[in-house]
Every structure is written in structure tokens, then in C-alpha cells.
């Protein structure tokens, strides 16, 4: 995971201890093309059934971008929690991430809207306040019982 973090700059590179903690406490999905790891996604369901699933990181190595890897990672994470809405944060100037979020919401038949950063805890997003983040909520259609 650490090698992917380095390859997926500007993602923050975490220590081995922090990465082990993430893998133990959250859903971590890895993407590969031709046997090479090219991206990852870290997500976590909220503690209560009514809470959303938090997408904390979606990262794709530059050589694998624009090949559907980010969308595939988001889709795989969403399938793990089909009854939950999804929330995530992107930096205001990351137009590519915002475009991916919109494309993802559309692909699962959901709507996306901005929400106030204070709606959820920063740690649920895996962000630090003051770094130019914008929070998004993807509201899914209820599943048939």
C-alpha cells in the first residue's frame, strides 16, 4: 500500500503502522492491471445502520488513470454496502476527482450534492480541516425489500 501511495502522488504516504491500522479497521480495495497494483480505495461504513459509507481515499497511479480504475474501485466499494448512502470529500481544486464522483453517482443511478463539511466528522472522511476540502453526499435509491 505504501508503494501505491508513493505512486499516486499527491496522496499522503502513511507509515506501515498507519497502513496496517487502515487495513484492519476499514475496507481497503486494491486494483491491478496485468498483475500490477495500480490503485486503491479506502472506505468505512458509519457505526450505525442509518449512517453512510465514507469513502476516504481513491487513488490511481498516473499510468492507469483514465482507464476506469477509479470508477471500478468506487463501484466495488459501493457494492459492499448497498443500503447506505455514500459520502466523500475532495479538494476544491481537484476537478478530476469531482468529475469521477459525478460519473460514479450517475453510474449507480444516484444523485450527488454538496454538504457542509461539519455534517460529518473529519476523521470519517480521513481529512484535515483547512486543506481546501469539499464534502459530497451520494444519495442512493432505496433497495427493494
N, C-alpha and C. Protein backbone atom coordinates (compact mmCIF):
# COMPACT_ATOMS: atom_id res chain seq x y z
N UNK A 1 0.82 -1.18 0.00
CA UNK A 1 0.00 0.00 0.00
C UNK A 1 0.87 1.25 0.00
N UNK A 2 1.97 1.18 0.73
CA UNK A 2 2.84 2.35 0.80
C UNK A 2 3.41 2.68 -0.58
N UNK A 3 3.79 1.65 -1.35
CA UNK A 3 4.30 1.89 -2.70
C UNK A 3 3.24 2.55 -3.58
N UNK A 4 1.99 2.13 -3.43
CA UNK A 4 0.91 2.76 -4.19
C UNK A 4 0.72 4.21 -3.77
N UNK A 5 0.84 4.49 -2.49
CA UNK A 5 0.70 5.86 -2.03
C UNK A 5 1.77 6.75 -2.64
N UNK A 6 2.98 6.24 -2.74
CA UNK A 6 4.06 7.00 -3.37
C UNK A 6 3.74 7.22 -4.85
N UNK A 7 3.27 6.18 -5.54
CA UNK A 7 2.98 6.27 -6.97
C UNK A 7 1.79 7.16 -7.27
N UNK A 8 0.89 7.30 -6.32
CA UNK A 8 -0.35 8.04 -6.54
C UNK A 8 -0.30 9.45 -5.98
N UNK A 9 0.85 10.08 -6.02
CA UNK A 9 1.01 11.44 -5.54
C UNK A 9 -0.13 12.29 -6.11
N UNK A 10 -0.72 13.18 -5.36
CA UNK A 10 -0.34 13.77 -4.09
C UNK A 10 -0.93 13.08 -2.86
N UNK A 11 -1.28 11.81 -2.95
CA UNK A 11 -1.78 11.08 -1.79
C UNK A 11 -0.71 11.10 -0.69
N UNK A 12 -1.14 11.29 0.55
CA UNK A 12 -0.20 11.28 1.67
C UNK A 12 0.33 9.87 1.88
N UNK A 13 1.62 9.77 2.01
CA UNK A 13 2.25 8.47 2.27
C UNK A 13 2.16 8.21 3.77
N UNK A 14 1.58 7.06 4.11
CA UNK A 14 1.38 6.68 5.50
C UNK A 14 2.49 5.71 5.95
N UNK A 15 2.71 5.67 7.23
CA UNK A 15 3.67 4.71 7.78
C UNK A 15 3.11 3.30 7.68
N UNK A 16 3.95 2.32 7.84
CA UNK A 16 3.49 0.92 7.82
C UNK A 16 2.44 0.73 8.91
N UNK A 17 2.68 1.26 10.08
CA UNK A 17 1.72 1.14 11.19
C UNK A 17 0.36 1.74 10.81
N UNK A 18 0.35 2.92 10.20
CA UNK A 18 -0.91 3.55 9.80
C UNK A 18 -1.61 2.73 8.72
N UNK A 19 -0.84 2.17 7.79
CA UNK A 19 -1.44 1.34 6.74
C UNK A 19 -2.02 0.05 7.31
N UNK A 20 -1.32 -0.58 8.23
CA UNK A 20 -1.84 -1.79 8.86
C UNK A 20 -3.13 -1.47 9.59
N UNK A 21 -3.16 -0.36 10.30
CA UNK A 21 -4.37 0.06 11.02
C UNK A 21 -5.52 0.28 10.03
N UNK A 22 -5.25 0.92 8.90
CA UNK A 22 -6.29 1.15 7.89
C UNK A 22 -6.83 -0.17 7.36
N UNK A 23 -5.96 -1.10 7.10
CA UNK A 23 -6.38 -2.39 6.56
C UNK A 23 -7.22 -3.16 7.58
N UNK A 24 -6.87 -3.06 8.84
CA UNK A 24 -7.61 -3.77 9.90
C UNK A 24 -8.97 -3.12 10.14
N UNK A 25 -9.02 -1.79 10.14
CA UNK A 25 -10.23 -1.07 10.56
C UNK A 25 -11.16 -0.68 9.42
N UNK A 26 -10.70 -0.72 8.19
CA UNK A 26 -11.50 -0.23 7.07
C UNK A 26 -11.48 -1.24 5.93
N UNK A 27 -12.35 -0.98 4.96
CA UNK A 27 -12.34 -1.78 3.73
C UNK A 27 -11.30 -1.16 2.80
N UNK A 28 -10.30 -1.93 2.44
CA UNK A 28 -9.27 -1.46 1.53
C UNK A 28 -9.32 -2.35 0.29
N UNK A 29 -9.59 -1.74 -0.84
CA UNK A 29 -9.63 -2.45 -2.11
C UNK A 29 -8.44 -2.04 -2.95
N UNK A 30 -7.81 -3.02 -3.58
CA UNK A 30 -6.69 -2.76 -4.47
C UNK A 30 -7.10 -3.07 -5.90
N UNK A 31 -6.62 -2.27 -6.82
CA UNK A 31 -6.87 -2.51 -8.25
C UNK A 31 -5.57 -2.89 -8.91
N UNK A 32 -5.68 -3.80 -9.86
CA UNK A 32 -4.48 -4.17 -10.60
C UNK A 32 -4.82 -4.34 -12.07
N UNK A 33 -3.82 -4.09 -12.88
CA UNK A 33 -3.88 -4.30 -14.32
C UNK A 33 -2.67 -5.14 -14.68
N UNK A 34 -2.92 -6.26 -15.33
CA UNK A 34 -1.84 -7.17 -15.74
C UNK A 34 -0.92 -7.54 -14.57
N UNK A 35 -1.53 -7.78 -13.41
CA UNK A 35 -0.75 -8.21 -12.25
C UNK A 35 -0.01 -7.12 -11.52
N UNK A 36 -0.18 -5.88 -11.93
CA UNK A 36 0.50 -4.74 -11.30
C UNK A 36 -0.55 -3.92 -10.53
N UNK A 37 -0.28 -3.65 -9.26
CA UNK A 37 -1.20 -2.81 -8.48
C UNK A 37 -1.14 -1.38 -9.00
N UNK A 38 -2.32 -0.84 -9.32
CA UNK A 38 -2.37 0.49 -9.93
C UNK A 38 -3.26 1.47 -9.17
N UNK A 39 -3.93 1.02 -8.13
CA UNK A 39 -4.79 1.92 -7.39
C UNK A 39 -5.36 1.27 -6.15
N UNK A 40 -5.97 2.11 -5.32
CA UNK A 40 -6.61 1.60 -4.12
C UNK A 40 -7.73 2.53 -3.67
N UNK A 41 -8.61 1.97 -2.86
CA UNK A 41 -9.73 2.71 -2.29
C UNK A 41 -9.85 2.31 -0.83
N UNK A 42 -10.05 3.29 0.04
CA UNK A 42 -10.25 3.04 1.46
C UNK A 42 -11.63 3.58 1.82
N UNK A 43 -12.46 2.71 2.40
CA UNK A 43 -13.79 3.13 2.80
C UNK A 43 -14.14 2.55 4.16
N UNK A 44 -15.19 3.09 4.75
CA UNK A 44 -15.60 2.64 6.07
C UNK A 44 -17.07 2.96 6.26
N UNK A 45 -17.87 1.95 6.67
CA UNK A 45 -19.27 2.25 6.97
C UNK A 45 -19.36 3.01 8.29
N UNK A 46 -20.33 3.89 8.39
CA UNK A 46 -20.57 4.56 9.66
C UNK A 46 -20.96 3.54 10.71
N UNK A 47 -20.88 3.90 11.99
CA UNK A 47 -21.12 2.92 13.06
C UNK A 47 -22.57 2.44 13.19
N UNK A 48 -23.52 3.21 12.68
CA UNK A 48 -24.93 2.86 12.79
C UNK A 48 -25.49 2.52 11.41
N UNK A 49 -26.51 1.68 11.37
CA UNK A 49 -27.09 1.24 10.10
C UNK A 49 -27.55 2.41 9.23
N UNK A 50 -28.02 3.48 9.85
CA UNK A 50 -28.52 4.62 9.09
C UNK A 50 -27.40 5.54 8.61
N UNK A 51 -26.18 5.32 9.08
CA UNK A 51 -25.04 6.16 8.68
C UNK A 51 -24.60 5.80 7.27
N UNK A 52 -23.99 6.75 6.58
CA UNK A 52 -23.48 6.46 5.23
C UNK A 52 -22.18 5.68 5.27
N UNK A 53 -21.75 5.27 4.10
CA UNK A 53 -20.42 4.71 3.92
C UNK A 53 -19.51 5.88 3.56
N UNK A 54 -18.37 5.95 4.21
CA UNK A 54 -17.41 7.02 3.95
C UNK A 54 -16.32 6.51 3.03
N UNK A 55 -16.14 7.17 1.91
CA UNK A 55 -15.01 6.89 1.02
C UNK A 55 -13.91 7.84 1.44
N UNK A 56 -12.81 7.30 1.93
CA UNK A 56 -11.75 8.16 2.45
C UNK A 56 -10.66 8.44 1.42
N UNK A 57 -10.38 7.48 0.58
CA UNK A 57 -9.34 7.67 -0.43
C UNK A 57 -9.70 6.86 -1.67
N UNK A 58 -9.53 7.47 -2.82
CA UNK A 58 -9.50 6.76 -4.09
C UNK A 58 -8.25 7.28 -4.80
N UNK A 59 -7.33 6.38 -5.08
CA UNK A 59 -6.07 6.80 -5.69
C UNK A 59 -5.72 5.86 -6.83
N UNK A 60 -5.29 6.45 -7.93
CA UNK A 60 -4.92 5.67 -9.12
C UNK A 60 -3.58 6.21 -9.62
N UNK A 61 -2.67 5.29 -9.90
CA UNK A 61 -1.35 5.67 -10.41
C UNK A 61 -1.52 6.40 -11.75
N UNK A 62 -0.67 7.38 -12.02
CA UNK A 62 -0.80 8.17 -13.25
C UNK A 62 -0.88 7.33 -14.53
N UNK A 63 -0.11 6.26 -14.63
CA UNK A 63 -0.12 5.44 -15.84
C UNK A 63 -1.44 4.71 -16.05
N UNK A 64 -2.24 4.58 -14.99
CA UNK A 64 -3.51 3.84 -15.08
C UNK A 64 -4.73 4.76 -15.10
N UNK A 65 -4.52 6.06 -15.01
CA UNK A 65 -5.65 6.98 -14.99
C UNK A 65 -6.34 7.01 -16.35
N UNK A 66 -7.63 7.35 -16.29
CA UNK A 66 -8.49 7.43 -17.48
C UNK A 66 -8.70 6.06 -18.13
N UNK A 67 -8.64 5.02 -17.29
CA UNK A 67 -8.88 3.66 -17.77
C UNK A 67 -10.01 2.99 -17.00
N UNK A 68 -10.74 3.76 -16.21
CA UNK A 68 -11.88 3.23 -15.46
C UNK A 68 -11.54 2.62 -14.12
N UNK A 69 -10.29 2.77 -13.67
CA UNK A 69 -9.87 2.15 -12.41
C UNK A 69 -10.57 2.82 -11.22
N UNK A 70 -10.60 4.12 -11.19
CA UNK A 70 -11.25 4.83 -10.08
C UNK A 70 -12.72 4.48 -9.99
N UNK A 71 -13.39 4.46 -11.12
CA UNK A 71 -14.82 4.11 -11.15
C UNK A 71 -15.02 2.67 -10.69
N UNK A 72 -14.16 1.76 -11.12
CA UNK A 72 -14.26 0.36 -10.70
C UNK A 72 -14.06 0.22 -9.19
N UNK A 73 -13.12 0.96 -8.63
CA UNK A 73 -12.89 0.92 -7.19
C UNK A 73 -14.10 1.44 -6.41
N UNK A 74 -14.65 2.57 -6.85
CA UNK A 74 -15.82 3.12 -6.18
C UNK A 74 -17.01 2.16 -6.28
N UNK A 75 -17.20 1.57 -7.43
CA UNK A 75 -18.31 0.64 -7.63
C UNK A 75 -18.15 -0.59 -6.73
N UNK A 76 -16.95 -1.12 -6.65
CA UNK A 76 -16.71 -2.28 -5.79
C UNK A 76 -16.96 -1.94 -4.33
N UNK A 77 -16.52 -0.77 -3.90
CA UNK A 77 -16.76 -0.36 -2.50
C UNK A 77 -18.26 -0.19 -2.25
N UNK A 78 -18.97 0.41 -3.18
CA UNK A 78 -20.41 0.64 -3.02
C UNK A 78 -21.17 -0.68 -2.93
N UNK A 79 -20.72 -1.69 -3.65
CA UNK A 79 -21.40 -2.99 -3.61
C UNK A 79 -21.28 -3.65 -2.25
N UNK A 80 -20.27 -3.28 -1.47
CA UNK A 80 -20.10 -3.85 -0.13
C UNK A 80 -21.15 -3.34 0.85
N UNK A 81 -21.70 -2.17 0.58
CA UNK A 81 -22.69 -1.55 1.47
C UNK A 81 -23.86 -1.02 0.63
N UNK A 82 -24.64 -1.89 0.00
CA UNK A 82 -25.64 -1.45 -0.97
C UNK A 82 -26.80 -0.64 -0.40
N UNK A 83 -27.01 -0.68 0.90
CA UNK A 83 -28.13 0.04 1.50
C UNK A 83 -27.74 1.42 2.05
N UNK A 84 -26.48 1.73 2.03
CA UNK A 84 -26.02 3.00 2.60
C UNK A 84 -25.80 4.06 1.52
N UNK A 85 -26.08 5.31 1.89
CA UNK A 85 -25.65 6.43 1.07
C UNK A 85 -24.13 6.50 1.18
N UNK A 86 -23.53 7.30 0.34
CA UNK A 86 -22.07 7.39 0.30
C UNK A 86 -21.68 8.85 0.47
N UNK A 87 -20.69 9.10 1.31
CA UNK A 87 -20.16 10.45 1.44
C UNK A 87 -18.65 10.41 1.26
N UNK A 88 -18.14 11.50 0.73
CA UNK A 88 -16.70 11.61 0.48
C UNK A 88 -16.33 13.07 0.40
N UNK A 89 -15.05 13.32 0.40
CA UNK A 89 -14.57 14.70 0.31
C UNK A 89 -13.50 14.77 -0.77
N UNK A 90 -13.52 15.86 -1.49
CA UNK A 90 -12.49 16.13 -2.49
C UNK A 90 -11.98 17.55 -2.28
N UNK A 91 -10.75 17.76 -2.67
CA UNK A 91 -10.25 19.12 -2.58
C UNK A 91 -10.93 19.97 -3.65
N UNK A 92 -11.16 21.23 -3.31
CA UNK A 92 -11.89 22.13 -4.21
C UNK A 92 -11.27 22.23 -5.60
N UNK A 93 -9.96 22.12 -5.68
CA UNK A 93 -9.30 22.29 -6.99
C UNK A 93 -9.08 20.97 -7.73
N UNK A 94 -9.59 19.86 -7.19
CA UNK A 94 -9.41 18.56 -7.84
C UNK A 94 -10.61 18.27 -8.74
N UNK A 95 -10.59 18.88 -9.91
CA UNK A 95 -11.69 18.76 -10.87
C UNK A 95 -11.85 17.32 -11.34
N UNK A 96 -10.75 16.60 -11.51
CA UNK A 96 -10.83 15.20 -11.96
C UNK A 96 -11.58 14.35 -10.93
N UNK A 97 -11.31 14.54 -9.65
CA UNK A 97 -12.00 13.77 -8.61
C UNK A 97 -13.47 14.13 -8.57
N UNK A 98 -13.78 15.39 -8.71
CA UNK A 98 -15.18 15.80 -8.70
C UNK A 98 -15.92 15.22 -9.90
N UNK A 99 -15.27 15.18 -11.04
CA UNK A 99 -15.87 14.59 -12.23
C UNK A 99 -16.09 13.08 -12.04
N UNK A 100 -15.12 12.41 -11.43
CA UNK A 100 -15.25 10.98 -11.14
C UNK A 100 -16.43 10.74 -10.21
N UNK A 101 -16.58 11.57 -9.17
CA UNK A 101 -17.70 11.42 -8.24
C UNK A 101 -19.04 11.55 -8.96
N UNK A 102 -19.14 12.53 -9.84
CA UNK A 102 -20.38 12.72 -10.60
C UNK A 102 -20.65 11.54 -11.52
N UNK A 103 -19.62 11.07 -12.18
CA UNK A 103 -19.76 9.91 -13.07
C UNK A 103 -20.17 8.67 -12.27
N UNK A 104 -19.57 8.47 -11.12
CA UNK A 104 -19.90 7.34 -10.27
C UNK A 104 -21.36 7.41 -9.82
N UNK A 105 -21.78 8.57 -9.31
CA UNK A 105 -23.17 8.72 -8.86
C UNK A 105 -24.14 8.38 -10.00
N UNK A 106 -23.86 8.89 -11.16
CA UNK A 106 -24.72 8.61 -12.32
C UNK A 106 -24.73 7.12 -12.65
N UNK A 107 -23.57 6.48 -12.55
CA UNK A 107 -23.46 5.06 -12.91
C UNK A 107 -24.28 4.15 -11.99
N UNK A 108 -24.52 4.59 -10.76
CA UNK A 108 -25.31 3.78 -9.83
C UNK A 108 -26.73 4.33 -9.68
N UNK A 109 -27.10 5.26 -10.54
CA UNK A 109 -28.45 5.81 -10.51
C UNK A 109 -28.75 6.64 -9.29
N UNK A 110 -27.73 7.33 -8.81
CA UNK A 110 -27.87 8.13 -7.59
C UNK A 110 -27.67 9.60 -7.90
N UNK A 111 -28.02 10.44 -6.93
CA UNK A 111 -27.79 11.87 -7.07
C UNK A 111 -26.65 12.27 -6.14
N UNK A 112 -25.94 13.33 -6.53
CA UNK A 112 -24.82 13.82 -5.72
C UNK A 112 -25.07 15.29 -5.41
N UNK A 113 -24.71 15.67 -4.18
CA UNK A 113 -24.88 17.06 -3.77
C UNK A 113 -23.79 17.44 -2.78
N UNK A 114 -23.49 18.72 -2.73
CA UNK A 114 -22.54 19.22 -1.75
C UNK A 114 -23.20 19.22 -0.38
N UNK A 115 -22.40 18.95 0.64
CA UNK A 115 -22.87 19.05 2.02
C UNK A 115 -21.84 19.83 2.81
N UNK A 116 -22.28 20.40 3.89
CA UNK A 116 -21.38 21.15 4.75
C UNK A 116 -20.35 20.21 5.35
N UNK A 117 -19.09 20.62 5.38
CA UNK A 117 -18.03 19.78 5.95
C UNK A 117 -18.34 19.40 7.40
N UNK A 118 -18.99 20.25 8.14
CA UNK A 118 -19.29 19.95 9.54
C UNK A 118 -20.39 18.93 9.75
N UNK A 119 -21.01 18.46 8.67
CA UNK A 119 -22.09 17.48 8.79
C UNK A 119 -21.57 16.17 9.37
N UNK A 120 -20.35 15.79 9.01
CA UNK A 120 -19.73 14.55 9.47
C UNK A 120 -18.37 14.89 10.07
N UNK A 121 -17.85 13.97 10.85
CA UNK A 121 -16.54 14.18 11.48
C UNK A 121 -15.44 14.11 10.41
N UNK A 122 -14.43 14.95 10.54
CA UNK A 122 -13.31 14.94 9.60
C UNK A 122 -12.64 13.57 9.55
N UNK A 123 -12.55 12.90 10.70
CA UNK A 123 -11.89 11.58 10.73
C UNK A 123 -12.68 10.56 9.92
N UNK A 124 -13.99 10.73 9.77
CA UNK A 124 -14.77 9.81 8.94
C UNK A 124 -14.37 9.94 7.47
N UNK A 125 -13.98 11.14 7.08
CA UNK A 125 -13.52 11.39 5.71
C UNK A 125 -12.03 11.08 5.54
N UNK A 126 -11.31 11.03 6.65
CA UNK A 126 -9.87 10.87 6.57
C UNK A 126 -9.18 12.14 6.11
N UNK A 127 -9.73 13.30 6.50
CA UNK A 127 -9.17 14.58 6.06
C UNK A 127 -8.79 15.44 7.26
N UNK A 128 -8.07 16.51 6.96
CA UNK A 128 -7.77 17.54 7.94
C UNK A 128 -8.44 18.82 7.48
N UNK A 129 -9.13 19.46 8.39
CA UNK A 129 -9.82 20.71 8.08
C UNK A 129 -8.80 21.76 7.69
N UNK A 130 -9.18 22.67 6.80
CA UNK A 130 -8.30 23.74 6.38
C UNK A 130 -7.43 23.40 5.18
N UNK A 131 -7.65 22.23 4.59
CA UNK A 131 -6.85 21.81 3.43
C UNK A 131 -7.63 21.96 2.12
N UNK A 132 -8.73 22.71 2.15
CA UNK A 132 -9.47 23.00 0.93
C UNK A 132 -10.40 21.88 0.48
N UNK A 133 -10.97 21.13 1.41
CA UNK A 133 -11.87 20.03 1.06
C UNK A 133 -13.31 20.48 0.95
N UNK A 134 -14.04 19.81 0.10
CA UNK A 134 -15.48 19.97 -0.07
C UNK A 134 -16.10 18.60 0.14
N UNK A 135 -17.17 18.53 0.92
CA UNK A 135 -17.85 17.26 1.19
C UNK A 135 -19.00 17.05 0.21
N UNK A 136 -19.19 15.78 -0.16
CA UNK A 136 -20.24 15.38 -1.11
C UNK A 136 -21.03 14.23 -0.53
N UNK A 137 -22.31 14.21 -0.80
CA UNK A 137 -23.16 13.08 -0.42
C UNK A 137 -23.79 12.51 -1.68
N UNK A 138 -23.71 11.21 -1.81
CA UNK A 138 -24.33 10.49 -2.93
C UNK A 138 -25.50 9.73 -2.34
N UNK A 139 -26.69 10.17 -2.72
CA UNK A 139 -27.91 9.58 -2.16
C UNK A 139 -28.40 8.49 -3.10
N UNK A 140 -28.42 7.27 -2.58
CA UNK A 140 -28.82 6.12 -3.37
C UNK A 140 -30.32 5.88 -3.28
N UNK A 141 -30.84 5.22 -4.28
CA UNK A 141 -32.24 4.83 -4.27
C UNK A 141 -32.40 3.68 -3.27
N UNK A 142 -33.48 3.67 -2.51
CA UNK A 142 -33.68 2.55 -1.58
C UNK A 142 -33.80 1.22 -2.32
N UNK A 143 -33.24 0.18 -1.73
CA UNK A 143 -33.35 -1.15 -2.32
C UNK A 143 -34.72 -1.73 -2.00
N UNK A 144 -35.20 -2.54 -2.90
CA UNK A 144 -36.45 -3.25 -2.66
C UNK A 144 -36.23 -4.25 -1.54
N UNK A 145 -37.21 -4.40 -0.62
CA UNK A 145 -37.03 -5.35 0.49
C UNK A 145 -36.94 -6.80 0.01
